[in-house]
């Protein structure tokens, strides 16, 4: 997977506002079309095999540690 970081605030605003578009090279050739999906949401044509109730129940079972604690423990191991 290729990751491209966009640091132009106006472009970011446009991409977020429009929600769909195309990426083209300088000759005009379409490289990719996209339709944005808000983080944490599935695209409309994808159906989760899990009900909202099952997901809520699984979220209750999540346990974890603060990242700072994990990093400290890793550094202590040397």
N, C-alpha and C. Protein backbone atom coordinates (compact mmCIF):
# COMPACT_ATOMS: atom_id res chain seq x y z
N UNK A 1 0.85 -1.17 0.00
CA UNK A 1 0.00 0.00 0.00
C UNK A 1 0.89 1.23 0.00
N UNK A 2 0.54 2.19 -0.80
CA UNK A 2 1.27 3.45 -0.86
C UNK A 2 0.58 4.49 0.01
N UNK A 3 1.37 5.22 0.79
CA UNK A 3 0.83 6.30 1.62
C UNK A 3 1.36 7.61 1.09
N UNK A 4 0.48 8.55 0.87
CA UNK A 4 0.85 9.89 0.43
C UNK A 4 0.35 10.87 1.47
N UNK A 5 1.23 11.72 1.99
CA UNK A 5 0.85 12.71 2.98
C UNK A 5 0.59 14.03 2.28
N UNK A 6 -0.58 14.59 2.55
CA UNK A 6 -0.96 15.88 1.96
C UNK A 6 -0.81 16.94 3.03
N UNK A 7 0.00 17.97 2.75
CA UNK A 7 0.21 19.01 3.76
C UNK A 7 -0.33 20.37 3.32
N UNK A 8 -1.03 20.42 2.21
CA UNK A 8 -1.63 21.66 1.73
C UNK A 8 -3.01 21.82 2.37
N UNK A 9 -3.17 22.78 3.30
CA UNK A 9 -4.45 22.92 4.01
C UNK A 9 -5.65 23.14 3.08
N UNK A 10 -5.45 23.87 2.01
CA UNK A 10 -6.56 24.11 1.07
C UNK A 10 -6.98 22.82 0.36
N UNK A 11 -6.01 22.01 -0.02
CA UNK A 11 -6.31 20.74 -0.66
C UNK A 11 -7.01 19.79 0.31
N UNK A 12 -6.53 19.74 1.53
CA UNK A 12 -7.16 18.89 2.55
C UNK A 12 -8.61 19.32 2.75
N UNK A 13 -8.84 20.61 2.87
CA UNK A 13 -10.20 21.12 3.05
C UNK A 13 -11.09 20.73 1.87
N UNK A 14 -10.56 20.86 0.65
CA UNK A 14 -11.34 20.51 -0.54
C UNK A 14 -11.66 19.02 -0.57
N UNK A 15 -10.69 18.19 -0.27
CA UNK A 15 -10.92 16.74 -0.28
C UNK A 15 -11.97 16.35 0.75
N UNK A 16 -11.89 16.95 1.94
CA UNK A 16 -12.86 16.63 2.98
C UNK A 16 -14.25 17.15 2.63
N UNK A 17 -14.31 18.32 2.02
CA UNK A 17 -15.59 18.93 1.67
C UNK A 17 -16.28 18.17 0.55
N UNK A 18 -15.55 17.84 -0.49
CA UNK A 18 -16.14 17.21 -1.67
C UNK A 18 -16.46 15.74 -1.44
N UNK A 19 -15.59 15.03 -0.74
CA UNK A 19 -15.85 13.64 -0.42
C UNK A 19 -15.65 12.66 -1.55
N UNK A 20 -15.42 13.13 -2.76
CA UNK A 20 -15.19 12.25 -3.90
C UNK A 20 -14.40 13.02 -4.95
N UNK A 21 -13.70 12.30 -5.78
CA UNK A 21 -12.94 12.98 -6.83
C UNK A 21 -12.01 12.05 -7.56
N UNK A 22 -11.07 12.64 -8.26
CA UNK A 22 -10.10 11.89 -9.05
C UNK A 22 -8.71 12.45 -8.80
N UNK A 23 -7.74 11.58 -8.89
CA UNK A 23 -6.35 11.99 -8.92
C UNK A 23 -5.87 11.78 -10.35
N UNK A 24 -5.24 12.81 -10.94
CA UNK A 24 -4.76 12.76 -12.32
C UNK A 24 -3.28 13.11 -12.37
N UNK A 25 -2.60 12.57 -13.38
CA UNK A 25 -1.21 12.97 -13.58
C UNK A 25 -1.22 14.25 -14.42
N UNK A 26 -0.04 14.87 -14.64
CA UNK A 26 0.01 16.14 -15.38
C UNK A 26 -0.57 16.07 -16.79
N UNK A 27 -0.61 14.89 -17.39
CA UNK A 27 -1.17 14.78 -18.75
C UNK A 27 -2.69 14.66 -18.74
N UNK A 28 -3.29 14.52 -17.53
CA UNK A 28 -4.73 14.39 -17.44
C UNK A 28 -5.22 12.96 -17.30
N UNK A 29 -4.31 12.01 -17.34
CA UNK A 29 -4.69 10.60 -17.20
C UNK A 29 -5.18 10.35 -15.77
N UNK A 30 -6.34 9.71 -15.65
CA UNK A 30 -6.90 9.41 -14.33
C UNK A 30 -6.09 8.29 -13.68
N UNK A 31 -5.53 8.58 -12.53
CA UNK A 31 -4.76 7.59 -11.78
C UNK A 31 -5.66 6.82 -10.82
N UNK A 32 -6.61 7.53 -10.23
CA UNK A 32 -7.47 6.91 -9.23
C UNK A 32 -8.70 7.77 -9.01
N UNK A 33 -9.81 7.11 -8.79
CA UNK A 33 -11.01 7.80 -8.36
C UNK A 33 -11.25 7.41 -6.91
N UNK A 34 -11.82 8.31 -6.14
CA UNK A 34 -12.05 8.00 -4.74
C UNK A 34 -13.38 8.55 -4.27
N UNK A 35 -13.90 7.89 -3.26
CA UNK A 35 -15.07 8.36 -2.54
C UNK A 35 -14.75 8.18 -1.07
N UNK A 36 -14.73 9.27 -0.35
CA UNK A 36 -14.34 9.23 1.06
C UNK A 36 -15.42 8.57 1.91
N UNK A 37 -14.97 7.81 2.88
CA UNK A 37 -15.84 7.20 3.87
C UNK A 37 -15.35 7.69 5.23
N UNK A 38 -16.23 8.26 6.05
CA UNK A 38 -15.78 8.72 7.37
C UNK A 38 -15.11 7.59 8.13
N UNK A 39 -14.06 7.94 8.88
CA UNK A 39 -13.33 6.95 9.66
C UNK A 39 -14.28 6.22 10.60
N UNK A 40 -14.14 4.92 10.65
CA UNK A 40 -14.96 4.12 11.54
C UNK A 40 -16.28 3.69 10.95
N UNK A 41 -16.58 4.13 9.74
CA UNK A 41 -17.83 3.74 9.09
C UNK A 41 -17.51 2.88 7.87
N UNK A 42 -18.38 1.94 7.60
CA UNK A 42 -18.23 1.10 6.42
C UNK A 42 -18.84 1.80 5.22
N UNK A 43 -18.31 1.58 4.02
CA UNK A 43 -18.95 2.11 2.82
C UNK A 43 -20.38 1.57 2.73
N UNK A 44 -21.28 2.32 2.08
CA UNK A 44 -22.68 1.92 2.05
C UNK A 44 -22.93 0.55 1.43
N UNK A 45 -22.06 0.08 0.56
CA UNK A 45 -22.29 -1.21 -0.10
C UNK A 45 -21.68 -2.39 0.67
N UNK A 46 -21.12 -2.14 1.84
CA UNK A 46 -20.52 -3.19 2.67
C UNK A 46 -21.39 -3.38 3.90
N UNK A 47 -21.73 -4.62 4.19
CA UNK A 47 -22.54 -4.93 5.36
C UNK A 47 -21.69 -5.71 6.35
N UNK A 48 -21.63 -5.23 7.57
CA UNK A 48 -20.87 -5.91 8.61
C UNK A 48 -21.58 -7.19 9.01
N UNK A 49 -20.81 -8.25 9.25
CA UNK A 49 -21.44 -9.49 9.72
C UNK A 49 -21.82 -9.42 11.20
N UNK A 50 -21.47 -8.33 11.88
CA UNK A 50 -21.74 -8.18 13.30
C UNK A 50 -22.82 -7.13 13.54
N UNK A 51 -23.72 -7.43 14.45
CA UNK A 51 -24.75 -6.46 14.81
C UNK A 51 -24.14 -5.37 15.69
N UNK A 52 -24.83 -4.25 15.81
CA UNK A 52 -24.36 -3.18 16.68
C UNK A 52 -24.25 -3.67 18.12
N UNK A 53 -25.16 -4.54 18.51
CA UNK A 53 -25.13 -5.07 19.88
C UNK A 53 -23.88 -5.91 20.12
N UNK A 54 -23.52 -6.75 19.15
CA UNK A 54 -22.31 -7.57 19.29
C UNK A 54 -21.08 -6.68 19.35
N UNK A 55 -21.01 -5.68 18.52
CA UNK A 55 -19.86 -4.77 18.53
C UNK A 55 -19.77 -4.02 19.85
N UNK A 56 -20.90 -3.56 20.38
CA UNK A 56 -20.89 -2.86 21.67
C UNK A 56 -20.41 -3.78 22.77
N UNK A 57 -20.84 -5.03 22.75
CA UNK A 57 -20.42 -5.99 23.76
C UNK A 57 -18.91 -6.25 23.67
N UNK A 58 -18.40 -6.36 22.47
CA UNK A 58 -16.96 -6.60 22.29
C UNK A 58 -16.14 -5.40 22.74
N UNK A 59 -16.67 -4.21 22.53
CA UNK A 59 -15.94 -3.01 22.96
C UNK A 59 -15.80 -2.98 24.49
N UNK A 60 -16.80 -3.51 25.20
CA UNK A 60 -16.73 -3.56 26.66
C UNK A 60 -15.56 -4.42 27.12
N UNK A 61 -15.23 -5.43 26.35
CA UNK A 61 -14.19 -6.38 26.73
C UNK A 61 -12.78 -5.91 26.39
N UNK A 62 -12.68 -4.78 25.70
CA UNK A 62 -11.36 -4.30 25.30
C UNK A 62 -10.60 -3.81 26.53
N UNK A 63 -9.41 -4.25 26.65
CA UNK A 63 -8.53 -3.76 27.70
C UNK A 63 -7.26 -3.28 27.03
N UNK A 64 -6.57 -2.42 27.68
CA UNK A 64 -5.34 -1.93 27.08
C UNK A 64 -4.52 -1.15 28.09
N UNK A 65 -3.39 -0.68 27.61
CA UNK A 65 -2.49 0.11 28.44
C UNK A 65 -2.14 1.38 27.70
N UNK A 66 -1.84 2.43 28.41
CA UNK A 66 -1.40 3.66 27.76
C UNK A 66 -0.12 3.43 26.97
N UNK A 67 -0.02 4.05 25.81
CA UNK A 67 1.15 3.91 24.96
C UNK A 67 2.43 4.28 25.70
N UNK A 68 2.37 5.31 26.52
CA UNK A 68 3.56 5.73 27.28
C UNK A 68 4.08 4.60 28.16
N UNK A 69 3.16 3.84 28.77
CA UNK A 69 3.59 2.71 29.61
C UNK A 69 4.24 1.62 28.77
N UNK A 70 3.68 1.33 27.63
CA UNK A 70 4.24 0.30 26.74
C UNK A 70 5.64 0.70 26.29
N UNK A 71 5.78 1.96 25.86
CA UNK A 71 7.08 2.43 25.39
C UNK A 71 8.12 2.39 26.53
N UNK A 72 7.72 2.79 27.72
CA UNK A 72 8.62 2.75 28.87
C UNK A 72 9.09 1.33 29.15
N UNK A 73 8.17 0.37 29.10
CA UNK A 73 8.52 -1.03 29.34
C UNK A 73 9.46 -1.56 28.26
N UNK A 74 9.22 -1.19 27.02
CA UNK A 74 10.09 -1.63 25.93
C UNK A 74 11.48 -1.04 26.08
N UNK A 75 11.58 0.22 26.48
CA UNK A 75 12.89 0.85 26.64
C UNK A 75 13.64 0.21 27.83
N UNK A 76 12.90 -0.19 28.85
CA UNK A 76 13.55 -0.81 30.02
C UNK A 76 14.16 -2.16 29.67
N UNK A 77 13.57 -2.84 28.68
CA UNK A 77 14.10 -4.13 28.26
C UNK A 77 15.42 -3.98 27.51
N UNK A 78 15.63 -2.77 26.97
CA UNK A 78 16.88 -2.45 26.30
C UNK A 78 17.05 -3.13 25.03
